[in-house]
Amino acid sequence: MNLDKEEKELLESYENDEWVPVKDLDKKKIEYQLIARNTALKNRRINVRLSEKDLSNLKAKSLEEGLPYQTLVASIIHKYVAGKFKEV
């Protein structure tokens, strides 16, 4: 199995019986589904001017990632504002 550091930590904590059951699981599922739905809701548009070269490079990167370039841009912005953007 080829696991990254975070996956290894999760597997180790599970194997060490560190996980505890969630009280009111059905209620929690509904709560987190609502949070996910509201987080994924894209109800605003923006217009951004880019150089032709940047747009071409962005589209090339999106092909590498296997997703539409606008989705890639939205993901980059979301990660940045959430403080989770990691440059590779």
PDB file of N, CA and C in Angstrom:
ATOM      1  N   MET A   1       0.843  -1.177   0.000  1.00  0.00           N
ATOM      2  CA  MET A   1       0.000   0.000   0.000  1.00  0.00           C
ATOM      3  C   MET A   1       0.898   1.253   0.000  1.00  0.00           C
ATOM      4  N   ASN A   2       0.555   2.220  -0.842  1.00  0.00           N
ATOM      5  CA  ASN A   2       1.338   3.446  -0.960  1.00  0.00           C
ATOM      6  C   ASN A   2       0.576   4.593  -0.300  1.00  0.00           C
ATOM      7  N   LEU A   3       0.800   4.807   0.995  1.00  0.00           N
ATOM      8  CA  LEU A   3       0.065   5.812   1.751  1.00  0.00           C
ATOM      9  C   LEU A   3       0.933   7.037   2.003  1.00  0.00           C
ATOM     10  N   ASP A   4       0.291   8.221   1.996  1.00  0.00           N
ATOM     11  CA  ASP A   4       1.042   9.419   2.375  1.00  0.00           C
ATOM     12  C   ASP A   4       1.067   9.526   3.902  1.00  0.00           C
ATOM     13  N   LYS A   5       1.741  10.537   4.406  1.00  0.00           N
ATOM     14  CA  LYS A   5       1.929  10.687   5.861  1.00  0.00           C
ATOM     15  C   LYS A   5       0.593  10.756   6.609  1.00  0.00           C
ATOM     16  N   GLU A   6      -0.335  11.576   6.093  1.00  0.00           N
ATOM     17  CA  GLU A   6      -1.627  11.729   6.763  1.00  0.00           C
ATOM     18  C   GLU A   6      -2.410  10.414   6.764  1.00  0.00           C
ATOM     19  N   GLU A   7      -2.393   9.703   5.647  1.00  0.00           N
ATOM     20  CA  GLU A   7      -3.097   8.415   5.574  1.00  0.00           C
ATOM     21  C   GLU A   7      -2.493   7.399   6.540  1.00  0.00           C
ATOM     22  N   LYS A   8      -1.170   7.403   6.652  1.00  0.00           N
ATOM     23  CA  LYS A   8      -0.508   6.491   7.594  1.00  0.00           C
ATOM     24  C   LYS A   8      -0.914   6.799   9.032  1.00  0.00           C
ATOM     25  N   GLU A   9      -0.991   8.096   9.358  1.00  0.00           N
ATOM     26  CA  GLU A   9      -1.395   8.493  10.707  1.00  0.00           C
ATOM     27  C   GLU A   9      -2.829   8.057  11.000  1.00  0.00           C
ATOM     28  N   LEU A  10      -3.717   8.233  10.023  1.00  0.00           N
ATOM     29  CA  LEU A  10      -5.113   7.808  10.206  1.00  0.00           C
ATOM     30  C   LEU A  10      -5.210   6.305  10.405  1.00  0.00           C
ATOM     31  N   LEU A  11      -4.504   5.547   9.570  1.00  0.00           N
ATOM     32  CA  LEU A  11      -4.532   4.095   9.683  1.00  0.00           C
ATOM     33  C   LEU A  11      -3.984   3.646  11.036  1.00  0.00           C
ATOM     34  N   GLU A  12      -2.902   4.254  11.470  1.00  0.00           N
ATOM     35  CA  GLU A  12      -2.306   3.907  12.760  1.00  0.00           C
ATOM     36  C   GLU A  12      -3.259   4.209  13.911  1.00  0.00           C
ATOM     37  N   SER A  13      -3.920   5.361  13.869  1.00  0.00           N
ATOM     38  CA  SER A  13      -4.853   5.705  14.954  1.00  0.00           C
ATOM     39  C   SER A  13      -6.045   4.759  14.960  1.00  0.00           C
ATOM     40  N   TYR A  14      -6.487   4.340  13.775  1.00  0.00           N
ATOM     41  CA  TYR A  14      -7.595   3.381  13.695  1.00  0.00           C
ATOM     42  C   TYR A  14      -7.170   2.029  14.270  1.00  0.00           C
ATOM     43  N   GLU A  15      -5.990   1.580  13.871  1.00  0.00           N
ATOM     44  CA  GLU A  15      -5.494   0.285  14.350  1.00  0.00           C
ATOM     45  C   GLU A  15      -5.213   0.287  15.850  1.00  0.00           C
ATOM     46  N   ASN A  16      -4.955   1.465  16.429  1.00  0.00           N
ATOM     47  CA  ASN A  16      -4.717   1.577  17.872  1.00  0.00           C
ATOM     48  C   ASN A  16      -6.007   1.824  18.652  1.00  0.00           C
ATOM     49  N   ASP A  17      -7.151   1.647  17.983  1.00  0.00           N
ATOM     50  CA  ASP A  17      -8.471   1.815  18.610  1.00  0.00           C
ATOM     51  C   ASP A  17      -8.653   3.189  19.236  1.00  0.00           C
ATOM     52  N   GLU A  18      -8.145   4.223  18.569  1.00  0.00           N
ATOM     53  CA  GLU A  18      -8.285   5.589  19.069  1.00  0.00           C
ATOM     54  C   GLU A  18      -9.567   6.251  18.589  1.00  0.00           C
ATOM     55  N   TRP A  19     -10.287   5.595  17.720  1.00  0.00           N
ATOM     56  CA  TRP A  19     -11.524   6.170  17.177  1.00  0.00           C
ATOM     57  C   TRP A  19     -12.684   5.838  18.104  1.00  0.00           C
ATOM     58  N   VAL A  20     -13.593   6.808  18.273  1.00  0.00           N
ATOM     59  CA  VAL A  20     -14.754   6.602  19.136  1.00  0.00           C
ATOM     60  C   VAL A  20     -16.031   6.803  18.312  1.00  0.00           C
ATOM     61  N   PRO A  21     -17.094   6.098  18.675  1.00  0.00           N
ATOM     62  CA  PRO A  21     -18.353   6.261  17.942  1.00  0.00           C
ATOM     63  C   PRO A  21     -18.914   7.678  18.087  1.00  0.00           C
ATOM     64  N   VAL A  22     -19.639   8.111  17.084  1.00  0.00           N
ATOM     65  CA  VAL A  22     -20.262   9.429  17.092  1.00  0.00           C
ATOM     66  C   VAL A  22     -21.671   9.290  17.653  1.00  0.00           C
ATOM     67  N   LYS A  23     -21.995  10.145  18.630  1.00  0.00           N
ATOM     68  CA  LYS A  23     -23.356  10.138  19.166  1.00  0.00           C
ATOM     69  C   LYS A  23     -24.283  10.753  18.130  1.00  0.00           C
ATOM     70  N   ASP A  24     -25.492  10.249  18.022  1.00  0.00           N
ATOM     71  CA  ASP A  24     -26.484  10.759  17.075  1.00  0.00           C
ATOM     72  C   ASP A  24     -25.920  10.799  15.651  1.00  0.00           C
ATOM     73  N   LEU A  25     -25.435   9.653  15.187  1.00  0.00           N
ATOM     74  CA  LEU A  25     -24.771   9.582  13.881  1.00  0.00           C
ATOM     75  C   LEU A  25     -25.652  10.094  12.752  1.00  0.00           C
ATOM     76  N   ASP A  26     -26.929   9.696  12.730  1.00  0.00           N
ATOM     77  CA  ASP A  26     -27.820  10.145  11.653  1.00  0.00           C
ATOM     78  C   ASP A  26     -27.965  11.668  11.648  1.00  0.00           C
ATOM     79  N   LYS A  27     -28.082  12.254  12.829  1.00  0.00           N
ATOM     80  CA  LYS A  27     -28.185  13.709  12.936  1.00  0.00           C
ATOM     81  C   LYS A  27     -26.904  14.389  12.449  1.00  0.00           C
ATOM     82  N   LYS A  28     -25.753  13.833  12.830  1.00  0.00           N
ATOM     83  CA  LYS A  28     -24.464  14.388  12.406  1.00  0.00           C
ATOM     84  C   LYS A  28     -24.293  14.283  10.892  1.00  0.00           C
ATOM     85  N   LYS A  29     -24.726  13.163  10.312  1.00  0.00           N
ATOM     86  CA  LYS A  29     -24.633  12.990   8.861  1.00  0.00           C
ATOM     87  C   LYS A  29     -25.397  14.089   8.142  1.00  0.00           C
ATOM     88  N   ILE A  30     -26.608  14.346   8.596  1.00  0.00           N
ATOM     89  CA  ILE A  30     -27.441  15.390   7.983  1.00  0.00           C
ATOM     90  C   ILE A  30     -26.779  16.750   8.144  1.00  0.00           C
ATOM     91  N   GLU A  31     -26.246  17.016   9.316  1.00  0.00           N
ATOM     92  CA  GLU A  31     -25.575  18.296   9.584  1.00  0.00           C
ATOM     93  C   GLU A  31     -24.385  18.499   8.643  1.00  0.00           C
ATOM     94  N   TYR A  32     -23.549  17.475   8.514  1.00  0.00           N
ATOM     95  CA  TYR A  32     -22.363  17.605   7.660  1.00  0.00           C
ATOM     96  C   TYR A  32     -22.719  17.613   6.173  1.00  0.00           C
ATOM     97  N   GLN A  33     -23.798  16.931   5.796  1.00  0.00           N
ATOM     98  CA  GLN A  33     -24.251  16.999   4.407  1.00  0.00           C
ATOM     99  C   GLN A  33     -24.685  18.419   4.061  1.00  0.00           C
ATOM    100  N   LEU A  34     -25.370  19.071   4.988  1.00  0.00           N
ATOM    101  CA  LEU A  34     -25.802  20.452   4.782  1.00  0.00           C
ATOM    102  C   LEU A  34     -24.597  21.390   4.671  1.00  0.00           C
ATOM    103  N   ILE A  35     -23.621  21.189   5.530  1.00  0.00           N
ATOM    104  CA  ILE A  35     -22.402  22.004   5.479  1.00  0.00           C
ATOM    105  C   ILE A  35     -21.700  21.803   4.133  1.00  0.00           C
ATOM    106  N   ALA A  36     -21.582  20.556   3.699  1.00  0.00           N
ATOM    107  CA  ALA A  36     -20.918  20.266   2.421  1.00  0.00           C
ATOM    108  C   ALA A  36     -21.679  20.892   1.262  1.00  0.00           C
ATOM    109  N   ARG A  37     -22.992  20.777   1.297  1.00  0.00           N
ATOM    110  CA  ARG A  37     -23.822  21.338   0.224  1.00  0.00           C
ATOM    111  C   ARG A  37     -23.640  22.859   0.152  1.00  0.00           C
ATOM    112  N   ASN A  38     -23.653  23.519   1.302  1.00  0.00           N
ATOM    113  CA  ASN A  38     -23.504  24.973   1.329  1.00  0.00           C
ATOM    114  C   ASN A  38     -22.094  25.406   0.948  1.00  0.00           C
ATOM    115  N   THR A  39     -21.103  24.589   1.298  1.00  0.00           N
ATOM    116  CA  THR A  39     -19.721  24.900   0.937  1.00  0.00           C
ATOM    117  C   THR A  39     -19.521  24.774  -0.571  1.00  0.00           C
ATOM    118  N   ALA A  40     -20.136  23.768  -1.157  1.00  0.00           N
ATOM    119  CA  ALA A  40     -19.969  23.520  -2.590  1.00  0.00           C
ATOM    120  C   ALA A  40     -20.850  24.429  -3.447  1.00  0.00           C
ATOM    121  N   LEU A  41     -21.781  25.132  -2.822  1.00  0.00           N
ATOM    122  CA  LEU A  41     -22.688  26.005  -3.560  1.00  0.00           C
ATOM    123  C   LEU A  41     -21.907  27.137  -4.202  1.00  0.00           C
ATOM    124  N   LYS A  42     -22.009  27.206  -5.500  1.00  0.00           N
ATOM    125  CA  LYS A  42     -21.306  28.264  -6.236  1.00  0.00           C
ATOM    126  C   LYS A  42     -22.352  29.207  -6.801  1.00  0.00           C
ATOM    127  N   ASN A  43     -22.573  30.284  -6.088  1.00  0.00           N
ATOM    128  CA  ASN A  43     -23.657  31.184  -6.478  1.00  0.00           C
ATOM    129  C   ASN A  43     -23.161  32.581  -6.848  1.00  0.00           C
ATOM    130  N   ARG A  44     -21.862  32.747  -7.043  1.00  0.00           N
ATOM    131  CA  ARG A  44     -21.318  34.044  -7.423  1.00  0.00           C
ATOM    132  C   ARG A  44     -20.387  33.876  -8.613  1.00  0.00           C
ATOM    133  N   ARG A  45     -20.384  34.866  -9.474  1.00  0.00           N
ATOM    134  CA  ARG A  45     -19.491  34.875 -10.630  1.00  0.00           C
ATOM    135  C   ARG A  45     -18.475  35.989 -10.457  1.00  0.00           C
ATOM    136  N   ILE A  46     -17.285  35.765 -11.009  1.00  0.00           N
ATOM    137  CA  ILE A  46     -16.294  36.822 -11.070  1.00  0.00           C
ATOM    138  C   ILE A  46     -15.702  36.829 -12.479  1.00  0.00           C
ATOM    139  N   ASN A  47     -15.191  37.955 -12.882  1.00  0.00           N
ATOM    140  CA  ASN A  47     -14.475  38.067 -14.144  1.00  0.00           C
ATOM    141  C   ASN A  47     -13.041  38.448 -13.834  1.00  0.00           C
ATOM    142  N   VAL A  48     -12.118  37.750 -14.441  1.00  0.00           N
ATOM    143  CA  VAL A  48     -10.707  38.002 -14.206  1.00  0.00           C
ATOM    144  C   VAL A  48     -10.003  38.064 -15.555  1.00  0.00           C
ATOM    145  N   ARG A  49      -9.181  39.053 -15.720  1.00  0.00           N
ATOM    146  CA  ARG A  49      -8.386  39.157 -16.944  1.00  0.00           C
ATOM    147  C   ARG A  49      -7.021  38.523 -16.698  1.00  0.00           C
ATOM    148  N   LEU A  50      -6.635  37.624 -17.601  1.00  0.00           N
ATOM    149  CA  LEU A  50      -5.354  36.946 -17.523  1.00  0.00           C
ATOM    150  C   LEU A  50      -4.610  37.132 -18.837  1.00  0.00           C
ATOM    151  N   SER A  51      -3.317  36.972 -18.765  1.00  0.00           N
ATOM    152  CA  SER A  51      -2.560  36.980 -20.016  1.00  0.00           C
ATOM    153  C   SER A  51      -2.885  35.691 -20.774  1.00  0.00           C
ATOM    154  N   GLU A  52      -2.715  35.746 -22.068  1.00  0.00           N
ATOM    155  CA  GLU A  52      -2.985  34.569 -22.895  1.00  0.00           C
ATOM    156  C   GLU A  52      -2.088  33.407 -22.474  1.00  0.00           C
ATOM    157  N   LYS A  53      -0.831  33.727 -22.153  1.00  0.00           N
ATOM    158  CA  LYS A  53       0.117  32.697 -21.730  1.00  0.00           C
ATOM    159  C   LYS A  53      -0.334  32.040 -20.420  1.00  0.00           C
ATOM    160  N   ASP A  54      -0.757  32.841 -19.437  1.00  0.00           N
ATOM    161  CA  ASP A  54      -1.226  32.276 -18.163  1.00  0.00           C
ATOM    162  C   ASP A  54      -2.449  31.390 -18.372  1.00  0.00           C
ATOM    163  N   LEU A  55      -3.366  31.838 -19.209  1.00  0.00           N
ATOM    164  CA  LEU A  55      -4.559  31.039 -19.469  1.00  0.00           C
ATOM    165  C   LEU A  55      -4.196  29.727 -20.157  1.00  0.00           C
ATOM    166  N   SER A  56      -3.283  29.776 -21.112  1.00  0.00           N
ATOM    167  CA  SER A  56      -2.838  28.546 -21.789  1.00  0.00           C
ATOM    168  C   SER A  56      -2.194  27.587 -20.798  1.00  0.00           C
ATOM    169  N   ASN A  57      -1.342  28.132 -19.932  1.00  0.00           N
ATOM    170  CA  ASN A  57      -0.691  27.294 -18.919  1.00  0.00           C
ATOM    171  C   ASN A  57      -1.708  26.719 -17.931  1.00  0.00           C
ATOM    172  N   LEU A  58      -2.694  27.526 -17.563  1.00  0.00           N
ATOM    173  CA  LEU A  58      -3.754  27.080 -16.662  1.00  0.00           C
ATOM    174  C   LEU A  58      -4.546  25.931 -17.287  1.00  0.00           C
ATOM    175  N   LYS A  59      -4.879  26.080 -18.558  1.00  0.00           N
ATOM    176  CA  LYS A  59      -5.618  25.022 -19.252  1.00  0.00           C
ATOM    177  C   LYS A  59      -4.782  23.750 -19.363  1.00  0.00           C
ATOM    178  N   ALA A  60      -3.478  23.903 -19.579  1.00  0.00           N
ATOM    179  CA  ALA A  60      -2.599  22.737 -19.647  1.00  0.00           C
ATOM    180  C   ALA A  60      -2.556  22.021 -18.291  1.00  0.00           C
ATOM    181  N   LYS A  61      -2.438  22.807 -17.221  1.00  0.00           N
ATOM    182  CA  LYS A  61      -2.432  22.219 -15.874  1.00  0.00           C
ATOM    183  C   LYS A  61      -3.750  21.502 -15.578  1.00  0.00           C
ATOM    184  N   SER A  62      -4.857  22.111 -16.020  1.00  0.00           N
ATOM    185  CA  SER A  62      -6.161  21.495 -15.755  1.00  0.00           C
ATOM    186  C   SER A  62      -6.283  20.161 -16.488  1.00  0.00           C
ATOM    187  N   LEU A  63      -5.700  20.075 -17.680  1.00  0.00           N
ATOM    188  CA  LEU A  63      -5.695  18.798 -18.407  1.00  0.00           C
ATOM    189  C   LEU A  63      -4.887  17.752 -17.651  1.00  0.00           C
ATOM    190  N   GLU A  64      -3.750  18.163 -17.101  1.00  0.00           N
ATOM    191  CA  GLU A  64      -2.924  17.255 -16.297  1.00  0.00           C
ATOM    192  C   GLU A  64      -3.704  16.743 -15.086  1.00  0.00           C
ATOM    193  N   GLU A  65      -4.483  17.641 -14.473  1.00  0.00           N
ATOM    194  CA  GLU A  65      -5.254  17.282 -13.278  1.00  0.00           C
ATOM    195  C   GLU A  65      -6.542  16.546 -13.625  1.00  0.00           C
ATOM    196  N   GLY A  66      -6.966  16.635 -14.879  1.00  0.00           N
ATOM    197  CA  GLY A  66      -8.169  15.934 -15.314  1.00  0.00           C
ATOM    198  C   GLY A  66      -9.455  16.619 -14.900  1.00  0.00           C
ATOM    199  N   LEU A  67      -9.443  17.950 -14.878  1.00  0.00           N
ATOM    200  CA  LEU A  67     -10.667  18.675 -14.541  1.00  0.00           C
ATOM    201  C   LEU A  67     -10.736  19.974 -15.338  1.00  0.00           C
ATOM    202  N   PRO A  68     -11.924  20.535 -15.470  1.00  0.00           N
ATOM    203  CA  PRO A  68     -12.071  21.785 -16.219  1.00  0.00           C
ATOM    204  C   PRO A  68     -11.251  22.910 -15.577  1.00  0.00           C
ATOM    205  N   TYR A  69     -10.742  23.810 -16.410  1.00  0.00           N
ATOM    206  CA  TYR A  69      -9.856  24.854 -15.888  1.00  0.00           C
ATOM    207  C   TYR A  69     -10.570  25.788 -14.919  1.00  0.00           C
ATOM    208  N   GLN A  70     -11.864  26.043 -15.123  1.00  0.00           N
ATOM    209  CA  GLN A  70     -12.581  26.915 -14.189  1.00  0.00           C
ATOM    210  C   GLN A  70     -12.715  26.245 -12.823  1.00  0.00           C
ATOM    211  N   THR A  71     -12.883  24.933 -12.816  1.00  0.00           N
ATOM    212  CA  THR A  71     -12.945  24.187 -11.557  1.00  0.00           C
ATOM    213  C   THR A  71     -11.598  24.248 -10.850  1.00  0.00           C
ATOM    214  N   LEU A  72     -10.514  24.145 -11.627  1.00  0.00           N
ATOM    215  CA  LEU A  72      -9.184  24.256 -11.053  1.00  0.00           C
ATOM    216  C   LEU A  72      -8.963  25.631 -10.423  1.00  0.00           C
ATOM    217  N   VAL A  73      -9.379  26.685 -11.121  1.00  0.00           N
ATOM    218  CA  VAL A  73      -9.242  28.046 -10.583  1.00  0.00           C
ATOM    219  C   VAL A  73     -10.039  28.186  -9.288  1.00  0.00           C
ATOM    220  N   ALA A  74     -11.278  27.698  -9.278  1.00  0.00           N
ATOM    221  CA  ALA A  74     -12.118  27.782  -8.077  1.00  0.00           C
ATOM    222  C   ALA A  74     -11.471  27.020  -6.915  1.00  0.00           C
ATOM    223  N   SER A  75     -10.881  25.871  -7.219  1.00  0.00           N
ATOM    224  CA  SER A  75     -10.229  25.077  -6.189  1.00  0.00           C
ATOM    225  C   SER A  75      -9.013  25.798  -5.617  1.00  0.00           C
ATOM    226  N   ILE A  76      -8.214  26.410  -6.483  1.00  0.00           N
ATOM    227  CA  ILE A  76      -7.037  27.156  -6.035  1.00  0.00           C
ATOM    228  C   ILE A  76      -7.455  28.315  -5.131  1.00  0.00           C
ATOM    229  N   ILE A  77      -8.472  29.054  -5.551  1.00  0.00           N
ATOM    230  CA  ILE A  77      -8.948  30.188  -4.751  1.00  0.00           C
ATOM    231  C   ILE A  77      -9.482  29.710  -3.403  1.00  0.00           C
ATOM    232  N   HIS A  78     -10.279  28.636  -3.435  1.00  0.00           N
ATOM    233  CA  HIS A  78     -10.846  28.105  -2.192  1.00  0.00           C
ATOM    234  C   HIS A  78      -9.737  27.693  -1.225  1.00  0.00           C
ATOM    235  N   LYS A  79      -8.749  26.958  -1.723  1.00  0.00           N
ATOM    236  CA  LYS A  79      -7.647  26.520  -0.853  1.00  0.00           C
ATOM    237  C   LYS A  79      -6.868  27.715  -0.313  1.00  0.00           C
ATOM    238  N   TYR A  80      -6.665  28.720  -1.141  1.00  0.00           N
ATOM    239  CA  TYR A  80      -5.908  29.900  -0.710  1.00  0.00           C
ATOM    240  C   TYR A  80      -6.630  30.634   0.417  1.00  0.00           C
ATOM    241  N   VAL A  81      -7.909  30.927   0.231  1.00  0.00           N
ATOM    242  CA  VAL A  81      -8.631  31.694   1.256  1.00  0.00           C
ATOM    243  C   VAL A  81      -8.871  30.873   2.517  1.00  0.00           C
ATOM    244  N   ALA A  82      -8.851  29.547   2.391  1.00  0.00           N
ATOM    245  CA  ALA A  82      -9.013  28.667   3.567  1.00  0.00           C
ATOM    246  C   ALA A  82      -7.677  28.441   4.270  1.00  0.00           C
ATOM    247  N   GLY A  83      -6.583  29.008   3.706  1.00  0.00           N
ATOM    248  CA  GLY A  83      -5.268  28.836   4.314  1.00  0.00           C
ATOM    249  C   GLY A  83      -4.686  27.457   4.097  1.00  0.00           C
ATOM    250  N   LYS A  84      -5.187  26.741   3.095  1.00  0.00           N
ATOM    251  CA  LYS A  84      -4.726  25.360   2.855  1.00  0.00           C
ATOM    252  C   LYS A  84      -3.988  25.221   1.532  1.00  0.00           C
ATOM    253  N   PHE A  85      -3.659  26.339   0.916  1.00  0.00           N
ATOM    254  CA  PHE A  85      -2.970  26.273  -0.366  1.00  0.00           C
ATOM    255  C   PHE A  85      -1.529  25.874  -0.153  1.00  0.00           C
ATOM    256  N   LYS A  86      -1.122  24.795  -0.812  1.00  0.00           N
ATOM    257  CA  LYS A  86       0.241  24.310  -0.695  1.00  0.00           C
ATOM    258  C   LYS A  86       0.858  24.289  -2.075  1.00  0.00           C
ATOM    259  N   GLU A  87       1.940  25.026  -2.239  1.00  0.00           N
ATOM    260  CA  GLU A  87       2.637  25.029  -3.514  1.00  0.00           C
ATOM    261  C   GLU A  87       3.507  23.787  -3.593  1.00  0.00           C
ATOM    262  N   VAL A  88       3.449  23.113  -4.716  1.00  0.00           N
ATOM    263  CA  VAL A  88       4.213  21.862  -4.874  1.00  0.00           C
ATOM    264  C   VAL A  88       5.543  22.146  -5.510  1.00  0.00           C
TER     265      VAL A  88
END
